Amino acid sequence: MVREFMSRNPLVIGPDIRVSEAVSLMKERDIWSPVVVKGGEILGFLTERDIIANILSEGIDPYQVKVIDVMTRRYGVLNPDETYVDASKVMMKMKSRLVVLDGKELIGVVTAADITRAYAESESTGPPLRKYATWEVLKVKSTVSVREAISVMAERRVGSLLIEESGLIKGIFTERDAVKRFLSGGCDLCDPVYKYAMEDLIVLDANSTLLDAAKLMSEHKIKRVPLVDEGEIKGIITARDIVEAIWRISTTEELAP
């Protein structure tokens, strides 16, 4: 049930605070999907992608912009007794994060990572992941600037880039890295991207199952895993891919709630 896997005690912020203040609160609580509320009304979420697309990629000072100017103004609603399959359906319909309401009270938030964790703990057999993964991986040289890397992420609307050095993949730079490691540190957009990338790359064999991917993400608290095929990284699977897979499979009754 949703009440068992939702993220409790969500971070709630006002729409009129500066993005810089919001990022400080996100870092303090280590919560990266704050709910935006005004006068008791839920307005939406502030996401890492919002910050990248509307602040970092535009070179705008986060001290000069209010949350309301960049936030995502949509969300889905769940009740605490629904299942992770129900949650996947609402997420795919709304294309956004979800709030959990007990009556009118906000009691939690559900993200793609939460649904993935619930699926990882289920008794599903897990189909092969190949048809649900993305088989185009974007790479940048380790020496490119953060500005260039973020520009690519915003333009291609992707949540991560693989970092390449001398023909080898040395790490991964994600939306979380851009906000948590770069922006909250107040660093220079001209810095090389490798400075903020995660070097301990966790990968998975491309012949693994969807359940294998979900368990790996849950174990390491990550949202995306590069896939190795014939000794090379050729694809990637994300928590959002797993949510979409759960939704797609459930519509053909291959997966029980």
C-alpha atoms as a PDB file:
ATOM      1  CA  MET A   1       0.000   0.000   0.000  1.00  0.00           C
ATOM      2  CA  VAL A   2       1.034   3.602  -0.660  1.00  0.00           C
ATOM      3  CA  ARG A   3       1.240   4.361   3.062  1.00  0.00           C
ATOM      4  CA  GLU A   4       4.035   1.765   3.313  1.00  0.00           C
ATOM      5  CA  PHE A   5       6.331   3.090   0.589  1.00  0.00           C
ATOM      6  CA  MET A   6       5.565   6.817   0.325  1.00  0.00           C
ATOM      7  CA  SER A   7       8.109   9.379   1.475  1.00  0.00           C
ATOM      8  CA  ARG A   8       6.784  10.712   4.766  1.00  0.00           C
ATOM      9  CA  ASN A   9       7.251  14.181   6.254  1.00  0.00           C
ATOM     10  CA  PRO A  10       7.553  15.930   2.881  1.00  0.00           C
ATOM     11  CA  LEU A  11       9.389  19.206   2.606  1.00  0.00           C
ATOM     12  CA  VAL A  12       6.829  21.976   2.113  1.00  0.00           C
ATOM     13  CA  ILE A  13       7.896  25.364   0.760  1.00  0.00           C
ATOM     14  CA  GLY A  14       6.111  28.561  -0.203  1.00  0.00           C
ATOM     15  CA  PRO A  15       5.910  29.784  -3.798  1.00  0.00           C
ATOM     16  CA  ASP A  16       7.309  33.210  -3.016  1.00  0.00           C
ATOM     17  CA  ILE A  17      10.679  32.217  -1.533  1.00  0.00           C
ATOM     18  CA  ARG A  18      13.808  32.487  -3.663  1.00  0.00           C
ATOM     19  CA  VAL A  19      15.056  29.377  -5.439  1.00  0.00           C
ATOM     20  CA  SER A  20      18.357  29.774  -3.571  1.00  0.00           C
ATOM     21  CA  GLU A  21      16.518  29.484  -0.252  1.00  0.00           C
ATOM     22  CA  ALA A  22      14.574  26.471  -1.518  1.00  0.00           C
ATOM     23  CA  VAL A  23      17.807  24.710  -2.502  1.00  0.00           C
ATOM     24  CA  SER A  24      19.258  25.407   0.955  1.00  0.00           C
ATOM     25  CA  LEU A  25      16.174  23.826   2.560  1.00  0.00           C
ATOM     26  CA  MET A  26      16.383  20.868   0.186  1.00  0.00           C
ATOM     27  CA  LYS A  27      20.014  20.313   1.102  1.00  0.00           C
ATOM     28  CA  GLU A  28      19.326  20.692   4.834  1.00  0.00           C
ATOM     29  CA  ARG A  29      16.565  18.064   4.754  1.00  0.00           C
ATOM     30  CA  ASP A  30      18.148  16.000   1.947  1.00  0.00           C
ATOM     31  CA  ILE A  31      14.766  16.080   0.218  1.00  0.00           C
ATOM     32  CA  TRP A  32      14.865  17.023  -3.450  1.00  0.00           C
ATOM     33  CA  SER A  33      11.176  17.155  -4.367  1.00  0.00           C
ATOM     34  CA  PRO A  34       9.603  19.835  -2.156  1.00  0.00           C
ATOM     35  CA  VAL A  35       5.860  20.397  -2.364  1.00  0.00           C
ATOM     36  CA  VAL A  36       4.879  23.994  -3.061  1.00  0.00           C
ATOM     37  CA  VAL A  37       1.930  25.105  -0.906  1.00  0.00           C
ATOM     38  CA  LYS A  38       0.235  28.457  -0.396  1.00  0.00           C
ATOM     39  CA  GLY A  39      -2.583  29.092   2.065  1.00  0.00           C
ATOM     40  CA  GLY A  40      -3.132  25.371   2.501  1.00  0.00           C
ATOM     41  CA  GLU A  41      -3.471  24.827  -1.255  1.00  0.00           C
ATOM     42  CA  ILE A  42      -1.040  22.497  -3.018  1.00  0.00           C
ATOM     43  CA  LEU A  43       0.312  24.239  -6.113  1.00  0.00           C
ATOM     44  CA  GLY A  44       2.805  21.656  -7.362  1.00  0.00           C
ATOM     45  CA  PHE A  45       6.438  20.651  -6.954  1.00  0.00           C
ATOM     46  CA  LEU A  46       9.842  22.214  -7.369  1.00  0.00           C
ATOM     47  CA  THR A  47      11.953  19.620  -9.168  1.00  0.00           C
ATOM     48  CA  GLU A  48      15.603  19.292 -10.030  1.00  0.00           C
ATOM     49  CA  ARG A  49      14.647  19.466 -13.706  1.00  0.00           C
ATOM     50  CA  ASP A  50      12.825  22.756 -13.099  1.00  0.00           C
ATOM     51  CA  ILE A  51      16.000  24.200 -11.620  1.00  0.00           C
ATOM     52  CA  ILE A  52      18.199  22.903 -14.420  1.00  0.00           C
ATOM     53  CA  ALA A  53      15.894  23.978 -17.271  1.00  0.00           C
ATOM     54  CA  ASN A  54      14.893  27.366 -15.901  1.00  0.00           C
ATOM     55  CA  ILE A  55      17.870  28.449 -13.792  1.00  0.00           C
ATOM     56  CA  LEU A  56      21.158  26.717 -14.543  1.00  0.00           C
ATOM     57  CA  SER A  57      20.785  26.297 -18.304  1.00  0.00           C
ATOM     58  CA  GLU A  58      19.767  29.951 -18.615  1.00  0.00           C
ATOM     59  CA  GLY A  59      22.592  31.209 -16.432  1.00  0.00           C
ATOM     60  CA  ILE A  60      20.118  32.891 -14.072  1.00  0.00           C
ATOM     61  CA  ASP A  61      21.020  33.753 -10.488  1.00  0.00           C
ATOM     62  CA  PRO A  62      18.862  31.563  -8.176  1.00  0.00           C
ATOM     63  CA  TYR A  63      18.927  34.407  -5.639  1.00  0.00           C
ATOM     64  CA  GLN A  64      16.911  36.522  -8.064  1.00  0.00           C
ATOM     65  CA  VAL A  65      14.138  34.061  -8.955  1.00  0.00           C
ATOM     66  CA  LYS A  66      11.128  32.928  -6.947  1.00  0.00           C
ATOM     67  CA  VAL A  67       9.982  29.325  -6.777  1.00  0.00           C
ATOM     68  CA  ILE A  68       6.638  30.205  -8.369  1.00  0.00           C
ATOM     69  CA  ASP A  69       8.447  31.361 -11.516  1.00  0.00           C
ATOM     70  CA  VAL A  70      10.076  27.974 -12.242  1.00  0.00           C
ATOM     71  CA  MET A  71       8.064  25.272 -10.438  1.00  0.00           C
ATOM     72  CA  THR A  72       6.046  22.430 -11.965  1.00  0.00           C
ATOM     73  CA  ARG A  73       2.376  23.347 -11.632  1.00  0.00           C
ATOM     74  CA  ARG A  74       0.901  19.868 -11.731  1.00  0.00           C
ATOM     75  CA  TYR A  75       0.749  16.831  -9.487  1.00  0.00           C
ATOM     76  CA  GLY A  76      -1.180  13.609  -9.010  1.00  0.00           C
ATOM     77  CA  VAL A  77      -3.143  12.594  -5.938  1.00  0.00           C
ATOM     78  CA  LEU A  78      -3.154   9.219  -4.185  1.00  0.00           C
ATOM     79  CA  ASN A  79      -4.885   7.924  -1.114  1.00  0.00           C
ATOM     80  CA  PRO A  80      -2.781   5.894   1.335  1.00  0.00           C
ATOM     81  CA  ASP A  81      -4.555   2.596   0.601  1.00  0.00           C
ATOM     82  CA  GLU A  82      -3.760   2.431  -3.112  1.00  0.00           C
ATOM     83  CA  THR A  83      -1.083   0.112  -4.547  1.00  0.00           C
ATOM     84  CA  TYR A  84       2.195   0.795  -6.318  1.00  0.00           C
ATOM     85  CA  VAL A  85       0.493  -0.218  -9.566  1.00  0.00           C
ATOM     86  CA  ASP A  86      -2.198   2.408  -8.929  1.00  0.00           C
ATOM     87  CA  ALA A  87       0.576   4.904  -8.243  1.00  0.00           C
ATOM     88  CA  SER A  88       2.279   4.061 -11.557  1.00  0.00           C
ATOM     89  CA  LYS A  89      -0.969   4.681 -13.441  1.00  0.00           C
ATOM     90  CA  VAL A  90      -1.506   8.088 -11.828  1.00  0.00           C
ATOM     91  CA  MET A  91       2.123   9.079 -12.401  1.00  0.00           C
ATOM     92  CA  MET A  92       1.987   8.152 -16.069  1.00  0.00           C
ATOM     93  CA  LYS A  93      -1.268  10.056 -16.494  1.00  0.00           C
ATOM     94  CA  MET A  94      -0.095  13.210 -14.733  1.00  0.00           C
ATOM     95  CA  LYS A  95       3.566  13.062 -15.813  1.00  0.00           C
ATOM     96  CA  SER A  96       4.528  14.360 -12.403  1.00  0.00           C
ATOM     97  CA  ARG A  97       5.233  13.455  -8.810  1.00  0.00           C
ATOM     98  CA  LEU A  98       2.350  12.514  -6.557  1.00  0.00           C
ATOM     99  CA  VAL A  99       1.022  13.728  -3.219  1.00  0.00           C
ATOM    100  CA  VAL A 100      -0.661  11.417  -0.734  1.00  0.00           C
ATOM    101  CA  LEU A 101      -3.707  12.845   1.003  1.00  0.00           C
ATOM    102  CA  ASP A 102      -5.537  11.466   4.015  1.00  0.00           C
ATOM    103  CA  GLY A 103      -8.739  13.417   3.591  1.00  0.00           C
ATOM    104  CA  LYS A 104      -7.341  16.905   2.976  1.00  0.00           C
ATOM    105  CA  GLU A 105      -4.140  16.351   4.968  1.00  0.00           C
ATOM    106  CA  LEU A 106      -0.845  16.014   3.102  1.00  0.00           C
ATOM    107  CA  ILE A 107       0.851  12.968   4.625  1.00  0.00           C
ATOM    108  CA  GLY A 108       3.408  11.997   2.019  1.00  0.00           C
ATOM    109  CA  VAL A 109       4.896  12.215  -1.448  1.00  0.00           C
ATOM    110  CA  VAL A 110       5.446   9.475  -4.025  1.00  0.00           C
ATOM    111  CA  THR A 111       8.237   9.710  -6.574  1.00  0.00           C
ATOM    112  CA  ALA A 112       9.379   7.287  -9.262  1.00  0.00           C
ATOM    113  CA  ALA A 113      12.068   6.110  -6.848  1.00  0.00           C
ATOM    114  CA  ASP A 114       9.406   5.279  -4.240  1.00  0.00           C
ATOM    115  CA  ILE A 115       7.404   3.204  -6.726  1.00  0.00           C
ATOM    116  CA  THR A 116      10.582   1.468  -7.856  1.00  0.00           C
ATOM    117  CA  ARG A 117      11.403   0.588  -4.261  1.00  0.00           C
ATOM    118  CA  ALA A 118       7.912  -0.839  -3.710  1.00  0.00           C
ATOM    119  CA  TYR A 119       8.241  -2.920  -6.878  1.00  0.00           C
ATOM    120  CA  ALA A 120      11.662  -4.169  -5.737  1.00  0.00           C
ATOM    121  CA  GLU A 121      10.066  -5.500  -2.559  1.00  0.00           C
ATOM    122  CA  SER A 122       7.169  -7.153  -4.385  1.00  0.00           C
ATOM    123  CA  GLU A 123       6.817 -10.804  -5.361  1.00  0.00           C
ATOM    124  CA  SER A 124       6.822 -10.059  -9.066  1.00  0.00           C
ATOM    125  CA  THR A 125       8.919 -12.348 -11.255  1.00  0.00           C
ATOM    126  CA  GLY A 126      10.232  -9.407 -13.254  1.00  0.00           C
ATOM    127  CA  PRO A 127      10.315  -9.479 -17.086  1.00  0.00           C
ATOM    128  CA  PRO A 128      13.501  -8.824 -19.085  1.00  0.00           C
ATOM    129  CA  LEU A 129      14.312  -5.119 -18.965  1.00  0.00           C
ATOM    130  CA  ARG A 130      15.528  -4.710 -22.535  1.00  0.00           C
ATOM    131  CA  LYS A 131      12.320  -3.382 -24.075  1.00  0.00           C
ATOM    132  CA  TYR A 132      11.834  -0.844 -21.285  1.00  0.00           C
ATOM    133  CA  ALA A 133      15.340   0.631 -21.265  1.00  0.00           C
ATOM    134  CA  THR A 134      16.735   3.525 -23.308  1.00  0.00           C
ATOM    135  CA  TRP A 135      19.330   2.436 -25.829  1.00  0.00           C
ATOM    136  CA  GLU A 136      20.746   5.834 -26.600  1.00  0.00           C
ATOM    137  CA  VAL A 137      23.203   7.060 -23.998  1.00  0.00           C
ATOM    138  CA  LEU A 138      24.521  10.602 -24.040  1.00  0.00           C
ATOM    139  CA  LYS A 139      28.182  11.143 -23.255  1.00  0.00           C
ATOM    140  CA  VAL A 140      30.318  14.215 -22.699  1.00  0.00           C
ATOM    141  CA  LYS A 141      34.038  14.601 -22.275  1.00  0.00           C
ATOM    142  CA  SER A 142      35.215  14.937 -18.690  1.00  0.00           C
ATOM    143  CA  THR A 143      36.746  18.305 -19.524  1.00  0.00           C
ATOM    144  CA  VAL A 144      33.584  20.022 -20.760  1.00  0.00           C
ATOM    145  CA  SER A 145      32.217  22.706 -18.492  1.00  0.00           C
ATOM    146  CA  VAL A 146      29.252  22.307 -16.194  1.00  0.00           C
ATOM    147  CA  ARG A 147      27.556  24.957 -18.326  1.00  0.00           C
ATOM    148  CA  GLU A 148      27.943  22.810 -21.461  1.00  0.00           C
ATOM    149  CA  ALA A 149      26.831  19.635 -19.690  1.00  0.00           C
ATOM    150  CA  ILE A 150      23.726  21.288 -18.266  1.00  0.00           C
ATOM    151  CA  SER A 151      22.914  22.781 -21.665  1.00  0.00           C
ATOM    152  CA  VAL A 152      22.935  19.292 -23.195  1.00  0.00           C
ATOM    153  CA  MET A 153      20.739  17.913 -20.389  1.00  0.00           C
ATOM    154  CA  ALA A 154      18.213  20.726 -20.783  1.00  0.00           C
ATOM    155  CA  GLU A 155      18.148  20.571 -24.575  1.00  0.00           C
ATOM    156  CA  ARG A 156      17.772  16.790 -24.717  1.00  0.00           C
ATOM    157  CA  ARG A 157      15.557  16.641 -21.611  1.00  0.00           C
ATOM    158  CA  VAL A 158      17.595  13.892 -19.983  1.00  0.00           C
ATOM    159  CA  GLY A 159      18.422  13.360 -16.340  1.00  0.00           C
ATOM    160  CA  SER A 160      22.027  12.259 -16.722  1.00  0.00           C
ATOM    161  CA  LEU A 161      25.151  12.224 -18.857  1.00  0.00           C
ATOM    162  CA  LEU A 162      27.932   9.657 -18.895  1.00  0.00           C
ATOM    163  CA  ILE A 163      31.380  11.142 -18.418  1.00  0.00           C
ATOM    164  CA  GLU A 164      33.987   9.971 -20.907  1.00  0.00           C
ATOM    165  CA  GLU A 165      37.746  10.207 -20.608  1.00  0.00           C
ATOM    166  CA  SER A 166      40.218   8.733 -23.103  1.00  0.00           C
ATOM    167  CA  GLY A 167      37.455   6.632 -24.611  1.00  0.00           C
ATOM    168  CA  LEU A 168      36.414   5.150 -21.265  1.00  0.00           C
ATOM    169  CA  ILE A 169      33.347   5.885 -19.166  1.00  0.00           C
ATOM    170  CA  LYS A 170      34.584   7.335 -15.891  1.00  0.00           C
ATOM    171  CA  GLY A 171      31.377   8.400 -14.175  1.00  0.00           C
ATOM    172  CA  ILE A 172      27.911   9.863 -14.421  1.00  0.00           C
ATOM    173  CA  PHE A 173      26.586  13.405 -13.938  1.00  0.00           C
ATOM    174  CA  THR A 174      22.926  13.572 -12.907  1.00  0.00           C
ATOM    175  CA  GLU A 175      20.272  16.175 -12.164  1.00  0.00           C
ATOM    176  CA  ARG A 176      20.857  15.491  -8.484  1.00  0.00           C
ATOM    177  CA  ASP A 177      24.571  16.217  -8.897  1.00  0.00           C
ATOM    178  CA  ALA A 178      23.771  19.470 -10.689  1.00  0.00           C
ATOM    179  CA  VAL A 179      21.578  20.706  -7.833  1.00  0.00           C
ATOM    180  CA  LYS A 180      23.030  19.035  -4.752  1.00  0.00           C
ATOM    181  CA  ARG A 181      26.740  18.974  -5.505  1.00  0.00           C
ATOM    182  CA  PHE A 182      27.080  21.934  -7.843  1.00  0.00           C
ATOM    183  CA  LEU A 183      24.391  24.546  -7.237  1.00  0.00           C
ATOM    184  CA  SER A 184      24.177  24.197  -3.454  1.00  0.00           C
ATOM    185  CA  GLY A 185      27.948  24.642  -3.357  1.00  0.00           C
ATOM    186  CA  GLY A 186      27.743  27.943  -5.209  1.00  0.00           C
ATOM    187  CA  CYS A 187      30.387  26.938  -7.735  1.00  0.00           C
ATOM    188  CA  ASP A 188      31.428  28.161 -11.176  1.00  0.00           C
ATOM    189  CA  LEU A 189      29.618  27.070 -14.355  1.00  0.00           C
ATOM    190  CA  CYS A 190      33.007  27.054 -16.042  1.00  0.00           C
ATOM    191  CA  ASP A 191      34.232  24.236 -13.775  1.00  0.00           C
ATOM    192  CA  PRO A 192      34.841  20.904 -15.550  1.00  0.00           C
ATOM    193  CA  VAL A 193      31.843  18.594 -15.172  1.00  0.00           C
ATOM    194  CA  TYR A 194      33.930  15.684 -13.844  1.00  0.00           C
ATOM    195  CA  LYS A 195      34.455  17.678 -10.628  1.00  0.00           C
ATOM    196  CA  TYR A 196      30.794  17.075  -9.691  1.00  0.00           C
ATOM    197  CA  ALA A 197      30.185  13.700 -11.332  1.00  0.00           C
ATOM    198  CA  MET A 198      29.835  10.432  -9.447  1.00  0.00           C
ATOM    199  CA  GLU A 199      32.823   8.262 -10.205  1.00  0.00           C
ATOM    200  CA  ASP A 200      31.645   5.031  -8.569  1.00  0.00           C
ATOM    201  CA  LEU A 201      29.553   3.909 -11.511  1.00  0.00           C
ATOM    202  CA  ILE A 202      27.030   1.183 -10.692  1.00  0.00           C
ATOM    203  CA  VAL A 203      26.088  -0.814 -13.796  1.00  0.00           C
ATOM    204  CA  LEU A 204      23.901  -3.780 -14.665  1.00  0.00           C
ATOM    205  CA  ASP A 205      24.010  -6.485 -17.316  1.00  0.00           C
ATOM    206  CA  ALA A 206      21.631  -5.689 -20.158  1.00  0.00           C
ATOM    207  CA  ASN A 207      20.166  -9.185 -19.953  1.00  0.00           C
ATOM    208  CA  SER A 208      18.902  -8.619 -16.408  1.00  0.00           C
ATOM    209  CA  THR A 209      15.262  -8.322 -15.419  1.00  0.00           C
ATOM    210  CA  LEU A 210      13.238  -5.277 -14.522  1.00  0.00           C
ATOM    211  CA  LEU A 211      13.165  -6.550 -10.948  1.00  0.00           C
ATOM    212  CA  ASP A 212      16.988  -6.800 -10.890  1.00  0.00           C
ATOM    213  CA  ALA A 213      17.200  -3.145 -11.902  1.00  0.00           C
ATOM    214  CA  ALA A 214      14.655  -2.086  -9.280  1.00  0.00           C
ATOM    215  CA  LYS A 215      16.483  -3.957  -6.521  1.00  0.00           C
ATOM    216  CA  LEU A 216      19.816  -2.438  -7.518  1.00  0.00           C
ATOM    217  CA  MET A 217      18.372   1.085  -7.527  1.00  0.00           C
ATOM    218  CA  SER A 218      16.695   0.491  -4.177  1.00  0.00           C
ATOM    219  CA  GLU A 219      19.836  -0.945  -2.606  1.00  0.00           C
ATOM    220  CA  HIS A 220      22.069   1.928  -3.710  1.00  0.00           C
ATOM    221  CA  LYS A 221      19.438   4.689  -3.525  1.00  0.00           C
ATOM    222  CA  ILE A 222      19.937   5.709  -7.135  1.00  0.00           C
ATOM    223  CA  LYS A 223      17.468   6.506  -9.917  1.00  0.00           C
ATOM    224  CA  ARG A 224      19.312   5.347 -13.025  1.00  0.00           C
ATOM    225  CA  VAL A 225      21.625   2.480 -13.968  1.00  0.00           C
ATOM    226  CA  PRO A 226      23.781   2.186 -17.112  1.00  0.00           C
ATOM    227  CA  LEU A 227      23.440  -1.155 -18.907  1.00  0.00           C
ATOM    228  CA  VAL A 228      26.398  -3.213 -20.090  1.00  0.00           C
ATOM    229  CA  ASP A 229      26.004  -5.262 -23.256  1.00  0.00           C
ATOM    230  CA  GLU A 230      28.922  -7.225 -24.702  1.00  0.00           C
ATOM    231  CA  GLY A 231      31.352  -5.426 -22.414  1.00  0.00           C
ATOM    232  CA  GLU A 232      30.226  -1.887 -23.285  1.00  0.00           C
ATOM    233  CA  ILE A 233      27.727   0.535 -21.803  1.00  0.00           C
ATOM    234  CA  LYS A 234      25.029   0.713 -24.460  1.00  0.00           C
ATOM    235  CA  GLY A 235      21.911   1.720 -22.585  1.00  0.00           C
ATOM    236  CA  ILE A 236      20.413   3.047 -19.398  1.00  0.00           C
ATOM    237  CA  ILE A 237      17.340   2.299 -17.321  1.00  0.00           C
ATOM    238  CA  THR A 238      15.790   4.779 -14.926  1.00  0.00           C
ATOM    239  CA  ALA A 239      13.265   4.679 -12.124  1.00  0.00           C
ATOM    240  CA  ARG A 240      10.860   6.471 -14.455  1.00  0.00           C
ATOM    241  CA  ASP A 241      11.360   3.682 -17.020  1.00  0.00           C
ATOM    242  CA  ILE A 242      10.426   1.151 -14.357  1.00  0.00           C
ATOM    243  CA  VAL A 243       7.275   3.097 -13.461  1.00  0.00           C
ATOM    244  CA  GLU A 244       6.284   3.167 -17.114  1.00  0.00           C
ATOM    245  CA  ALA A 245       7.004  -0.557 -17.398  1.00  0.00           C
ATOM    246  CA  ILE A 246       4.807  -1.342 -14.380  1.00  0.00           C
ATOM    247  CA  TRP A 247       2.007   0.693 -15.957  1.00  0.00           C
ATOM    248  CA  ARG A 248       2.417  -0.944 -19.370  1.00  0.00           C
ATOM    249  CA  ILE A 249       2.592  -4.449 -17.965  1.00  0.00           C
ATOM    250  CA  SER A 250      -0.382  -3.909 -15.660  1.00  0.00           C
ATOM    251  CA  THR A 251      -2.567  -2.927 -18.604  1.00  0.00           C
ATOM    252  CA  THR A 252      -1.968  -6.382 -20.109  1.00  0.00           C
ATOM    253  CA  GLU A 253      -2.491  -8.107 -16.747  1.00  0.00           C
ATOM    254  CA  GLU A 254       1.026  -9.512 -16.745  1.00  0.00           C
ATOM    255  CA  LEU A 255       1.673  -7.960 -13.377  1.00  0.00           C
ATOM    256  CA  ALA A 256      -0.607  -8.395 -10.378  1.00  0.00           C
ATOM    257  CA  PRO A 257      -1.216  -5.384  -8.090  1.00  0.00           C
END
